[in-house]
Amino acid sequence: MASSAEEEAARLKEQARKLKEEVAALSDTTVEEMEAADAAKKVAAKPASLYDDETPQYKDPLSDNMRKRLMAEASSGLDSNSKQTNVILYISIGVAILVVLGGKGIFY
């Protein structure tokens, strides 16, 4: 079983080598140049340790106009400082009255 896995790994490595050569031929480079470019990308992709003073300056994603529009929309609805009507209470009282009026023969 181990030998078949090793054979499979060797076969896949050979296929990968052939594909790399084919890509290199199509892009007019060599396999070594491609591998060197990949290694350079990996080195450049490693994040350096950042300190607080080295982080990029925060840029607000919202424009002033959009912020004003959102604030106006938010303030037009519910306000925590003003008293709100209890709509659910009124609806439930209305339903209870309709049940009592509609169930005269059932309840009493």
PDB file of N, CA and C in Angstrom:
ATOM      1  N   MET A   1       0.824  -1.190   0.000  1.00  0.00           N
ATOM      2  CA  MET A   1       0.000   0.000   0.000  1.00  0.00           C
ATOM      3  C   MET A   1       0.867   1.251   0.000  1.00  0.00           C
ATOM      4  N   ALA A   2       1.955   1.230   0.755  1.00  0.00           N
ATOM      5  CA  ALA A   2       2.828   2.388   0.812  1.00  0.00           C
ATOM      6  C   ALA A   2       3.515   2.626  -0.526  1.00  0.00           C
ATOM      7  N   SER A   3       3.856   1.537  -1.217  1.00  0.00           N
ATOM      8  CA  SER A   3       4.534   1.699  -2.506  1.00  0.00           C
ATOM      9  C   SER A   3       3.591   2.310  -3.538  1.00  0.00           C
ATOM     10  N   SER A   4       2.310   1.967  -3.489  1.00  0.00           N
ATOM     11  CA  SER A   4       1.379   2.557  -4.448  1.00  0.00           C
ATOM     12  C   SER A   4       1.173   4.042  -4.167  1.00  0.00           C
ATOM     13  N   ALA A   5       1.205   4.433  -2.900  1.00  0.00           N
ATOM     14  CA  ALA A   5       1.087   5.840  -2.552  1.00  0.00           C
ATOM     15  C   ALA A   5       2.327   6.600  -3.007  1.00  0.00           C
ATOM     16  N   GLU A   6       3.495   5.980  -2.850  1.00  0.00           N
ATOM     17  CA  GLU A   6       4.732   6.613  -3.298  1.00  0.00           C
ATOM     18  C   GLU A   6       4.764   6.731  -4.813  1.00  0.00           C
ATOM     19  N   GLU A   7       4.282   5.692  -5.498  1.00  0.00           N
ATOM     20  CA  GLU A   7       4.207   5.743  -6.964  1.00  0.00           C
ATOM     21  C   GLU A   7       3.251   6.846  -7.409  1.00  0.00           C
ATOM     22  N   GLU A   8       2.132   6.969  -6.718  1.00  0.00           N
ATOM     23  CA  GLU A   8       1.146   8.011  -7.043  1.00  0.00           C
ATOM     24  C   GLU A   8       1.745   9.401  -6.824  1.00  0.00           C
ATOM     25  N   ALA A   9       2.495   9.560  -5.734  1.00  0.00           N
ATOM     26  CA  ALA A   9       3.130  10.844  -5.457  1.00  0.00           C
ATOM     27  C   ALA A   9       4.174  11.168  -6.515  1.00  0.00           C
ATOM     28  N   ALA A  10       4.935  10.190  -6.927  1.00  0.00           N
ATOM     29  CA  ALA A  10       5.950  10.406  -7.961  1.00  0.00           C
ATOM     30  C   ALA A  10       5.298  10.767  -9.292  1.00  0.00           C
ATOM     31  N   ARG A  11       4.185  10.098  -9.607  1.00  0.00           N
ATOM     32  CA  ARG A  11       3.473  10.379 -10.852  1.00  0.00           C
ATOM     33  C   ARG A  11       2.916  11.801 -10.839  1.00  0.00           C
ATOM     34  N   LEU A  12       2.361  12.221  -9.708  1.00  0.00           N
ATOM     35  CA  LEU A  12       1.810  13.575  -9.603  1.00  0.00           C
ATOM     36  C   LEU A  12       2.910  14.634  -9.674  1.00  0.00           C
ATOM     37  N   LYS A  13       4.068  14.352  -9.070  1.00  0.00           N
ATOM     38  CA  LYS A  13       5.191  15.288  -9.153  1.00  0.00           C
ATOM     39  C   LYS A  13       5.661  15.442 -10.597  1.00  0.00           C
ATOM     40  N   GLU A  14       5.685  14.328 -11.326  1.00  0.00           N
ATOM     41  CA  GLU A  14       6.085  14.373 -12.731  1.00  0.00           C
ATOM     42  C   GLU A  14       5.084  15.176 -13.551  1.00  0.00           C
ATOM     43  N   GLN A  15       3.796  15.006 -13.273  1.00  0.00           N
ATOM     44  CA  GLN A  15       2.771  15.791 -13.970  1.00  0.00           C
ATOM     45  C   GLN A  15       2.926  17.277 -13.648  1.00  0.00           C
ATOM     46  N   ALA A  16       3.207  17.604 -12.405  1.00  0.00           N
ATOM     47  CA  ALA A  16       3.379  18.998 -12.015  1.00  0.00           C
ATOM     48  C   ALA A  16       4.591  19.597 -12.704  1.00  0.00           C
ATOM     49  N   ARG A  17       5.678  18.831 -12.823  1.00  0.00           N
ATOM     50  CA  ARG A  17       6.872  19.318 -13.505  1.00  0.00           C
ATOM     51  C   ARG A  17       6.579  19.599 -14.970  1.00  0.00           C
ATOM     52  N   LYS A  18       5.851  18.681 -15.623  1.00  0.00           N
ATOM     53  CA  LYS A  18       5.492  18.878 -17.032  1.00  0.00           C
ATOM     54  C   LYS A  18       4.603  20.106 -17.213  1.00  0.00           C
ATOM     55  N   LEU A  19       3.656  20.290 -16.300  1.00  0.00           N
ATOM     56  CA  LEU A  19       2.777  21.461 -16.396  1.00  0.00           C
ATOM     57  C   LEU A  19       3.559  22.753 -16.194  1.00  0.00           C
ATOM     58  N   LYS A  20       4.507  22.766 -15.259  1.00  0.00           N
ATOM     59  CA  LYS A  20       5.334  23.947 -15.051  1.00  0.00           C
ATOM     60  C   LYS A  20       6.143  24.264 -16.301  1.00  0.00           C
ATOM     61  N   GLU A  21       6.691  23.231 -16.932  1.00  0.00           N
ATOM     62  CA  GLU A  21       7.460  23.444 -18.156  1.00  0.00           C
ATOM     63  C   GLU A  21       6.567  23.992 -19.263  1.00  0.00           C
ATOM     64  N   GLU A  22       5.352  23.479 -19.356  1.00  0.00           N
ATOM     65  CA  GLU A  22       4.424  23.948 -20.381  1.00  0.00           C
ATOM     66  C   GLU A  22       4.051  25.415 -20.147  1.00  0.00           C
ATOM     67  N   VAL A  23       3.781  25.794 -18.894  1.00  0.00           N
ATOM     68  CA  VAL A  23       3.446  27.176 -18.577  1.00  0.00           C
ATOM     69  C   VAL A  23       4.640  28.080 -18.856  1.00  0.00           C
ATOM     70  N   ALA A  24       5.839  27.612 -18.508  1.00  0.00           N
ATOM     71  CA  ALA A  24       7.040  28.409 -18.757  1.00  0.00           C
ATOM     72  C   ALA A  24       7.245  28.610 -20.252  1.00  0.00           C
ATOM     73  N   ALA A  25       6.995  27.583 -21.054  1.00  0.00           N
ATOM     74  CA  ALA A  25       7.149  27.710 -22.504  1.00  0.00           C
ATOM     75  C   ALA A  25       6.129  28.694 -23.070  1.00  0.00           C
ATOM     76  N   LEU A  26       4.915  28.674 -22.551  1.00  0.00           N
ATOM     77  CA  LEU A  26       3.890  29.586 -23.056  1.00  0.00           C
ATOM     78  C   LEU A  26       4.137  31.025 -22.632  1.00  0.00           C
ATOM     79  N   SER A  27       4.783  31.235 -21.489  1.00  0.00           N
ATOM     80  CA  SER A  27       5.012  32.598 -21.010  1.00  0.00           C
ATOM     81  C   SER A  27       6.419  33.104 -21.340  1.00  0.00           C
ATOM     82  N   ASP A  28       7.165  32.368 -22.153  1.00  0.00           N
ATOM     83  CA  ASP A  28       8.513  32.744 -22.594  1.00  0.00           C
ATOM     84  C   ASP A  28       9.460  32.971 -21.425  1.00  0.00           C
ATOM     85  N   THR A  29       9.371  32.132 -20.411  1.00  0.00           N
ATOM     86  CA  THR A  29      10.311  32.165 -19.297  1.00  0.00           C
ATOM     87  C   THR A  29      10.783  30.750 -19.034  1.00  0.00           C
ATOM     88  N   THR A  30      11.669  30.607 -18.073  1.00  0.00           N
ATOM     89  CA  THR A  30      12.105  29.272 -17.671  1.00  0.00           C
ATOM     90  C   THR A  30      11.439  28.896 -16.361  1.00  0.00           C
ATOM     91  N   VAL A  31      11.491  27.631 -16.038  1.00  0.00           N
ATOM     92  CA  VAL A  31      10.899  27.142 -14.799  1.00  0.00           C
ATOM     93  C   VAL A  31      11.608  27.768 -13.602  1.00  0.00           C
ATOM     94  N   GLU A  32      12.937  27.937 -13.714  1.00  0.00           N
ATOM     95  CA  GLU A  32      13.706  28.509 -12.617  1.00  0.00           C
ATOM     96  C   GLU A  32      13.297  29.957 -12.358  1.00  0.00           C
ATOM     97  N   GLU A  33      13.065  30.729 -13.443  1.00  0.00           N
ATOM     98  CA  GLU A  33      12.617  32.114 -13.286  1.00  0.00           C
ATOM     99  C   GLU A  33      11.246  32.176 -12.618  1.00  0.00           C
ATOM    100  N   MET A  34      10.360  31.256 -13.007  1.00  0.00           N
ATOM    101  CA  MET A  34       9.023  31.227 -12.396  1.00  0.00           C
ATOM    102  C   MET A  34       9.117  30.885 -10.917  1.00  0.00           C
ATOM    103  N   GLU A  35       9.952  29.900 -10.573  1.00  0.00           N
ATOM    104  CA  GLU A  35      10.091  29.514  -9.170  1.00  0.00           C
ATOM    105  C   GLU A  35      10.731  30.635  -8.363  1.00  0.00           C
ATOM    106  N   ALA A  36      11.691  31.361  -8.969  1.00  0.00           N
ATOM    107  CA  ALA A  36      12.307  32.484  -8.272  1.00  0.00           C
ATOM    108  C   ALA A  36      11.285  33.597  -8.039  1.00  0.00           C
ATOM    109  N   ALA A  37      10.410  33.843  -9.022  1.00  0.00           N
ATOM    110  CA  ALA A  37       9.373  34.860  -8.862  1.00  0.00           C
ATOM    111  C   ALA A  37       8.377  34.437  -7.782  1.00  0.00           C
ATOM    112  N   ASP A  38       8.024  33.152  -7.741  1.00  0.00           N
ATOM    113  CA  ASP A  38       7.115  32.655  -6.699  1.00  0.00           C
ATOM    114  C   ASP A  38       7.744  32.793  -5.319  1.00  0.00           C
ATOM    115  N   ALA A  39       9.040  32.491  -5.223  1.00  0.00           N
ATOM    116  CA  ALA A  39       9.726  32.620  -3.933  1.00  0.00           C
ATOM    117  C   ALA A  39       9.771  34.081  -3.498  1.00  0.00           C
ATOM    118  N   ALA A  40       9.994  34.985  -4.457  1.00  0.00           N
ATOM    119  CA  ALA A  40      10.022  36.412  -4.125  1.00  0.00           C
ATOM    120  C   ALA A  40       8.649  36.883  -3.661  1.00  0.00           C
ATOM    121  N   LYS A  41       7.598  36.379  -4.270  1.00  0.00           N
ATOM    122  CA  LYS A  41       6.236  36.749  -3.859  1.00  0.00           C
ATOM    123  C   LYS A  41       5.957  36.257  -2.444  1.00  0.00           C
ATOM    124  N   LYS A  42       6.419  35.044  -2.141  1.00  0.00           N
ATOM    125  CA  LYS A  42       6.181  34.499  -0.800  1.00  0.00           C
ATOM    126  C   LYS A  42       6.919  35.325   0.254  1.00  0.00           C
ATOM    127  N   VAL A  43       8.137  35.751  -0.063  1.00  0.00           N
ATOM    128  CA  VAL A  43       8.902  36.559   0.879  1.00  0.00           C
ATOM    129  C   VAL A  43       8.238  37.915   1.055  1.00  0.00           C
ATOM    130  N   ALA A  44       7.764  38.502  -0.045  1.00  0.00           N
ATOM    131  CA  ALA A  44       7.128  39.817   0.028  1.00  0.00           C
ATOM    132  C   ALA A  44       5.768  39.737   0.703  1.00  0.00           C
ATOM    133  N   ALA A  45       5.108  38.580   0.632  1.00  0.00           N
ATOM    134  CA  ALA A  45       3.776  38.434   1.200  1.00  0.00           C
ATOM    135  C   ALA A  45       3.799  38.256   2.714  1.00  0.00           C
ATOM    136  N   LYS A  46       4.953  37.944   3.290  1.00  0.00           N
ATOM    137  CA  LYS A  46       5.024  37.776   4.737  1.00  0.00           C
ATOM    138  C   LYS A  46       4.808  39.124   5.405  1.00  0.00           C
ATOM    139  N   PRO A  47       3.842  39.202   6.307  1.00  0.00           N
ATOM    140  CA  PRO A  47       3.617  40.495   6.974  1.00  0.00           C
ATOM    141  C   PRO A  47       4.725  40.776   7.981  1.00  0.00           C
ATOM    142  N   ALA A  48       5.207  41.968   7.939  1.00  0.00           N
ATOM    143  CA  ALA A  48       6.211  42.386   8.915  1.00  0.00           C
ATOM    144  C   ALA A  48       5.503  42.732  10.215  1.00  0.00           C
ATOM    145  N   SER A  49       6.221  42.652  11.297  1.00  0.00           N
ATOM    146  CA  SER A  49       5.609  43.014  12.571  1.00  0.00           C
ATOM    147  C   SER A  49       5.370  44.516  12.580  1.00  0.00           C
ATOM    148  N   LEU A  50       4.150  44.903  12.863  1.00  0.00           N
ATOM    149  CA  LEU A  50       3.780  46.310  12.862  1.00  0.00           C
ATOM    150  C   LEU A  50       3.563  46.801  14.284  1.00  0.00           C
ATOM    151  N   TYR A  51       4.015  47.992  14.527  1.00  0.00           N
ATOM    152  CA  TYR A  51       3.743  48.654  15.779  1.00  0.00           C
ATOM    153  C   TYR A  51       2.609  49.641  15.557  1.00  0.00           C
ATOM    154  N   ASP A  52       2.053  50.142  16.636  1.00  0.00           N
ATOM    155  CA  ASP A  52       0.925  51.056  16.515  1.00  0.00           C
ATOM    156  C   ASP A  52       1.250  52.286  15.688  1.00  0.00           C
ATOM    157  N   ASP A  53       2.465  52.789  15.821  1.00  0.00           N
ATOM    158  CA  ASP A  53       2.810  53.996  15.077  1.00  0.00           C
ATOM    159  C   ASP A  53       3.153  53.701  13.619  1.00  0.00           C
ATOM    160  N   GLU A  54       3.250  52.413  13.248  1.00  0.00           N
ATOM    161  CA  GLU A  54       3.565  52.046  11.878  1.00  0.00           C
ATOM    162  C   GLU A  54       2.334  51.653  11.069  1.00  0.00           C
ATOM    163  N   THR A  55       1.200  51.572  11.708  1.00  0.00           N
ATOM    164  CA  THR A  55      -0.004  51.186  10.983  1.00  0.00           C
ATOM    165  C   THR A  55      -0.460  52.330  10.093  1.00  0.00           C
ATOM    166  N   PRO A  56      -1.120  52.005   8.988  1.00  0.00           N
ATOM    167  CA  PRO A  56      -1.586  53.079   8.109  1.00  0.00           C
ATOM    168  C   PRO A  56      -2.644  53.932   8.797  1.00  0.00           C
ATOM    169  N   GLN A  57      -2.702  55.179   8.424  1.00  0.00           N
ATOM    170  CA  GLN A  57      -3.660  56.120   9.008  1.00  0.00           C
ATOM    171  C   GLN A  57      -5.077  55.667   8.678  1.00  0.00           C
ATOM    172  N   TYR A  58      -5.978  55.761   9.655  1.00  0.00           N
ATOM    173  CA  TYR A  58      -7.366  55.348   9.448  1.00  0.00           C
ATOM    174  C   TYR A  58      -8.061  56.318   8.507  1.00  0.00           C
ATOM    175  N   LYS A  59      -8.736  55.751   7.512  1.00  0.00           N
ATOM    176  CA  LYS A  59      -9.496  56.564   6.566  1.00  0.00           C
ATOM    177  C   LYS A  59     -10.950  56.157   6.703  1.00  0.00           C
ATOM    178  N   ASP A  60     -11.792  57.116   6.991  1.00  0.00           N
ATOM    179  CA  ASP A  60     -13.209  56.856   7.178  1.00  0.00           C
ATOM    180  C   ASP A  60     -13.838  56.431   5.850  1.00  0.00           C
ATOM    181  N   PRO A  61     -14.527  55.280   5.806  1.00  0.00           N
ATOM    182  CA  PRO A  61     -15.089  54.806   4.539  1.00  0.00           C
ATOM    183  C   PRO A  61     -16.314  55.602   4.085  1.00  0.00           C
ATOM    184  N   LEU A  62     -16.931  56.366   4.987  1.00  0.00           N
ATOM    185  CA  LEU A  62     -18.128  57.123   4.630  1.00  0.00           C
ATOM    186  C   LEU A  62     -17.777  58.568   4.305  1.00  0.00           C
ATOM    187  N   SER A  63     -18.402  59.065   3.268  1.00  0.00           N
ATOM    188  CA  SER A  63     -18.225  60.487   2.970  1.00  0.00           C
ATOM    189  C   SER A  63     -19.108  61.293   3.916  1.00  0.00           C
ATOM    190  N   ASP A  64     -18.840  62.595   3.998  1.00  0.00           N
ATOM    191  CA  ASP A  64     -19.626  63.455   4.886  1.00  0.00           C
ATOM    192  C   ASP A  64     -21.086  63.500   4.467  1.00  0.00           C
ATOM    193  N   ASN A  65     -21.326  63.522   3.157  1.00  0.00           N
ATOM    194  CA  ASN A  65     -22.692  63.559   2.651  1.00  0.00           C
ATOM    195  C   ASN A  65     -23.452  62.282   3.033  1.00  0.00           C
ATOM    196  N   MET A  66     -22.814  61.128   2.865  1.00  0.00           N
ATOM    197  CA  MET A  66     -23.457  59.857   3.210  1.00  0.00           C
ATOM    198  C   MET A  66     -23.697  59.780   4.713  1.00  0.00           C
ATOM    199  N   ARG A  67     -22.752  60.272   5.513  1.00  0.00           N
ATOM    200  CA  ARG A  67     -22.932  60.268   6.966  1.00  0.00           C
ATOM    201  C   ARG A  67     -24.143  61.103   7.364  1.00  0.00           C
ATOM    202  N   LYS A  68     -24.311  62.284   6.750  1.00  0.00           N
ATOM    203  CA  LYS A  68     -25.462  63.136   7.048  1.00  0.00           C
ATOM    204  C   LYS A  68     -26.764  62.452   6.667  1.00  0.00           C
ATOM    205  N   ARG A  69     -26.771  61.794   5.507  1.00  0.00           N
ATOM    206  CA  ARG A  69     -27.984  61.098   5.068  1.00  0.00           C
ATOM    207  C   ARG A  69     -28.345  59.962   6.019  1.00  0.00           C
ATOM    208  N   LEU A  70     -27.349  59.199   6.457  1.00  0.00           N
ATOM    209  CA  LEU A  70     -27.609  58.098   7.383  1.00  0.00           C
ATOM    210  C   LEU A  70     -28.080  58.604   8.736  1.00  0.00           C
ATOM    211  N   MET A  71     -27.487  59.693   9.209  1.00  0.00           N
ATOM    212  CA  MET A  71     -27.907  60.259  10.492  1.00  0.00           C
ATOM    213  C   MET A  71     -29.340  60.789  10.406  1.00  0.00           C
ATOM    214  N   ALA A  72     -29.702  61.416   9.285  1.00  0.00           N
ATOM    215  CA  ALA A  72     -31.068  61.918   9.115  1.00  0.00           C
ATOM    216  C   ALA A  72     -32.059  60.760   9.069  1.00  0.00           C
ATOM    217  N   GLU A  73     -31.687  59.680   8.396  1.00  0.00           N
ATOM    218  CA  GLU A  73     -32.566  58.514   8.315  1.00  0.00           C
ATOM    219  C   GLU A  73     -32.727  57.866   9.680  1.00  0.00           C
ATOM    220  N   ALA A  74     -31.653  57.764  10.431  1.00  0.00           N
ATOM    221  CA  ALA A  74     -31.715  57.134  11.750  1.00  0.00           C
ATOM    222  C   ALA A  74     -32.507  57.979  12.736  1.00  0.00           C
ATOM    223  N   SER A  75     -32.428  59.294  12.636  1.00  0.00           N
ATOM    224  CA  SER A  75     -33.128  60.147  13.593  1.00  0.00           C
ATOM    225  C   SER A  75     -34.610  60.297  13.255  1.00  0.00           C
ATOM    226  N   SER A  76     -35.007  59.952  12.057  1.00  0.00           N
ATOM    227  CA  SER A  76     -36.419  60.094  11.687  1.00  0.00           C
ATOM    228  C   SER A  76     -37.283  58.979  12.274  1.00  0.00           C
ATOM    229  N   GLY A  77     -36.688  57.899  12.707  1.00  0.00           N
ATOM    230  CA  GLY A  77     -37.449  56.767  13.221  1.00  0.00           C
ATOM    231  C   GLY A  77     -37.622  56.832  14.720  1.00  0.00           C
ATOM    232  N   LEU A  78     -37.176  55.811  15.409  1.00  0.00           N
ATOM    233  CA  LEU A  78     -37.351  55.721  16.853  1.00  0.00           C
ATOM    234  C   LEU A  78     -36.379  56.638  17.576  1.00  0.00           C
ATOM    235  N   ASP A  79     -36.858  57.267  18.604  1.00  0.00           N
ATOM    236  CA  ASP A  79     -36.030  58.131  19.429  1.00  0.00           C
ATOM    237  C   ASP A  79     -36.114  57.627  20.862  1.00  0.00           C
ATOM    238  N   SER A  80     -34.981  57.346  21.462  1.00  0.00           N
ATOM    239  CA  SER A  80     -34.980  56.775  22.806  1.00  0.00           C
ATOM    240  C   SER A  80     -35.406  57.792  23.862  1.00  0.00           C
ATOM    241  N   ASN A  81     -35.360  59.072  23.556  1.00  0.00           N
ATOM    242  CA  ASN A  81     -35.708  60.099  24.535  1.00  0.00           C
ATOM    243  C   ASN A  81     -37.191  60.448  24.535  1.00  0.00           C
ATOM    244  N   SER A  82     -37.903  60.104  23.490  1.00  0.00           N
ATOM    245  CA  SER A  82     -39.331  60.435  23.436  1.00  0.00           C
ATOM    246  C   SER A  82     -40.162  59.190  23.743  1.00  0.00           C
ATOM    247  N   LYS A  83     -41.346  59.411  24.287  1.00  0.00           N
ATOM    248  CA  LYS A  83     -42.210  58.311  24.660  1.00  0.00           C
ATOM    249  C   LYS A  83     -42.839  57.707  23.402  1.00  0.00           C
ATOM    250  N   GLN A  84     -42.827  56.392  23.326  1.00  0.00           N
ATOM    251  CA  GLN A  84     -43.361  55.690  22.159  1.00  0.00           C
ATOM    252  C   GLN A  84     -44.736  55.112  22.508  1.00  0.00           C
ATOM    253  N   THR A  85     -45.607  55.066  21.522  1.00  0.00           N
ATOM    254  CA  THR A  85     -46.914  54.441  21.736  1.00  0.00           C
ATOM    255  C   THR A  85     -46.741  52.935  21.696  1.00  0.00           C
ATOM    256  N   ASN A  86     -47.528  52.255  22.485  1.00  0.00           N
ATOM    257  CA  ASN A  86     -47.453  50.811  22.563  1.00  0.00           C
ATOM    258  C   ASN A  86     -48.460  50.219  21.580  1.00  0.00           C
ATOM    259  N   VAL A  87     -48.063  50.091  20.343  1.00  0.00           N
ATOM    260  CA  VAL A  87     -48.944  49.645  19.269  1.00  0.00           C
ATOM    261  C   VAL A  87     -49.391  48.202  19.492  1.00  0.00           C
ATOM    262  N   ILE A  88     -48.518  47.370  19.993  1.00  0.00           N
ATOM    263  CA  ILE A  88     -48.863  45.958  20.206  1.00  0.00           C
ATOM    264  C   ILE A  88     -49.980  45.840  21.237  1.00  0.00           C
ATOM    265  N   LEU A  89     -49.950  46.667  22.255  1.00  0.00           N
ATOM    266  CA  LEU A  89     -51.006  46.651  23.258  1.00  0.00           C
ATOM    267  C   LEU A  89     -52.351  47.005  22.626  1.00  0.00           C
ATOM    268  N   TYR A  90     -52.378  48.042  21.799  1.00  0.00           N
ATOM    269  CA  TYR A  90     -53.626  48.448  21.145  1.00  0.00           C
ATOM    270  C   TYR A  90     -54.148  47.369  20.203  1.00  0.00           C
ATOM    271  N   ILE A  91     -53.277  46.726  19.493  1.00  0.00           N
ATOM    272  CA  ILE A  91     -53.700  45.648  18.592  1.00  0.00           C
ATOM    273  C   ILE A  91     -54.260  44.481  19.385  1.00  0.00           C
ATOM    274  N   SER A  92     -53.593  44.106  20.474  1.00  0.00           N
ATOM    275  CA  SER A  92     -54.080  42.968  21.262  1.00  0.00           C
ATOM    276  C   SER A  92     -55.416  43.294  21.930  1.00  0.00           C
ATOM    277  N   ILE A  93     -55.631  44.536  22.376  1.00  0.00           N
ATOM    278  CA  ILE A  93     -56.930  44.919  22.937  1.00  0.00           C
ATOM    279  C   ILE A  93     -58.007  44.843  21.854  1.00  0.00           C
ATOM    280  N   GLY A  94     -57.701  45.304  20.647  1.00  0.00           N
ATOM    281  CA  GLY A  94     -58.655  45.224  19.535  1.00  0.00           C
ATOM    282  C   GLY A  94     -59.012  43.785  19.201  1.00  0.00           C
ATOM    283  N   VAL A  95     -58.042  42.897  19.187  1.00  0.00           N
ATOM    284  CA  VAL A  95     -58.306  41.484  18.902  1.00  0.00           C
ATOM    285  C   VAL A  95     -59.139  40.872  20.016  1.00  0.00           C
ATOM    286  N   ALA A  96     -58.836  41.210  21.271  1.00  0.00           N
ATOM    287  CA  ALA A  96     -59.615  40.676  22.392  1.00  0.00           C
ATOM    288  C   ALA A  96     -61.069  41.129  22.304  1.00  0.00           C
ATOM    289  N   ILE A  97     -61.310  42.395  21.949  1.00  0.00           N
ATOM    290  CA  ILE A  97     -62.682  42.895  21.798  1.00  0.00           C
ATOM    291  C   ILE A  97     -63.397  42.157  20.686  1.00  0.00           C
ATOM    292  N   LEU A  98     -62.723  41.932  19.562  1.00  0.00           N
ATOM    293  CA  LEU A  98     -63.340  41.198  18.449  1.00  0.00           C
ATOM    294  C   LEU A  98     -63.657  39.755  18.836  1.00  0.00           C
ATOM    295  N   VAL A  99     -62.803  39.131  19.642  1.00  0.00           N
ATOM    296  CA  VAL A  99     -63.051  37.750  20.079  1.00  0.00           C
ATOM    297  C   VAL A  99     -64.251  37.718  20.997  1.00  0.00           C
ATOM    298  N   VAL A 100     -64.354  38.680  21.912  1.00  0.00           N
ATOM    299  CA  VAL A 100     -65.484  38.719  22.841  1.00  0.00           C
ATOM    300  C   VAL A 100     -66.785  38.975  22.078  1.00  0.00           C
ATOM    301  N   LEU A 101     -66.762  39.919  21.142  1.00  0.00           N
ATOM    302  CA  LEU A 101     -67.977  40.211  20.375  1.00  0.00           C
ATOM    303  C   LEU A 101     -68.356  39.065  19.444  1.00  0.00           C
ATOM    304  N   GLY A 102     -67.355  38.394  18.876  1.00  0.00           N
ATOM    305  CA  GLY A 102     -67.649  37.304  17.945  1.00  0.00           C
ATOM    306  C   GLY A 102     -67.975  36.007  18.647  1.00  0.00           C
ATOM    307  N   GLY A 103     -67.624  35.853  19.908  1.00  0.00           N
ATOM    308  CA  GLY A 103     -67.850  34.593  20.602  1.00  0.00           C
ATOM    309  C   GLY A 103     -68.966  34.663  21.621  1.00  0.00           C
ATOM    310  N   LYS A 104     -70.012  35.464  21.345  1.00  0.00           N
ATOM    311  CA  LYS A 104     -71.116  35.609  22.306  1.00  0.00           C
ATOM    312  C   LYS A 104     -71.802  34.283  22.593  1.00  0.00           C
ATOM    313  N   GLY A 105     -72.014  33.489  21.610  1.00  0.00           N
ATOM    314  CA  GLY A 105     -72.712  32.205  21.836  1.00  0.00           C
ATOM    315  C   GLY A 105     -71.810  31.148  22.423  1.00  0.00           C
ATOM    316  N   ILE A 106     -70.494  31.314  22.321  1.00  0.00           N
ATOM    317  CA  ILE A 106     -69.566  30.290  22.804  1.00  0.00           C
ATOM    318  C   ILE A 106     -69.197  30.542  24.255  1.00  0.00           C
ATOM    319  N   PHE A 107     -68.883  31.777  24.611  1.00  0.00           N
ATOM    320  CA  PHE A 107     -68.383  32.067  25.944  1.00  0.00           C
ATOM    321  C   PHE A 107     -69.493  32.117  27.006  1.00  0.00           C
ATOM    322  N   TYR A 108     -70.707  32.641  26.664  1.00  0.00           N
ATOM    323  CA  TYR A 108     -71.771  32.789  27.646  1.00  0.00           C
ATOM    324  C   TYR A 108     -73.109  32.710  27.028  1.00  0.00           C
TER     325      TYR A 108
END
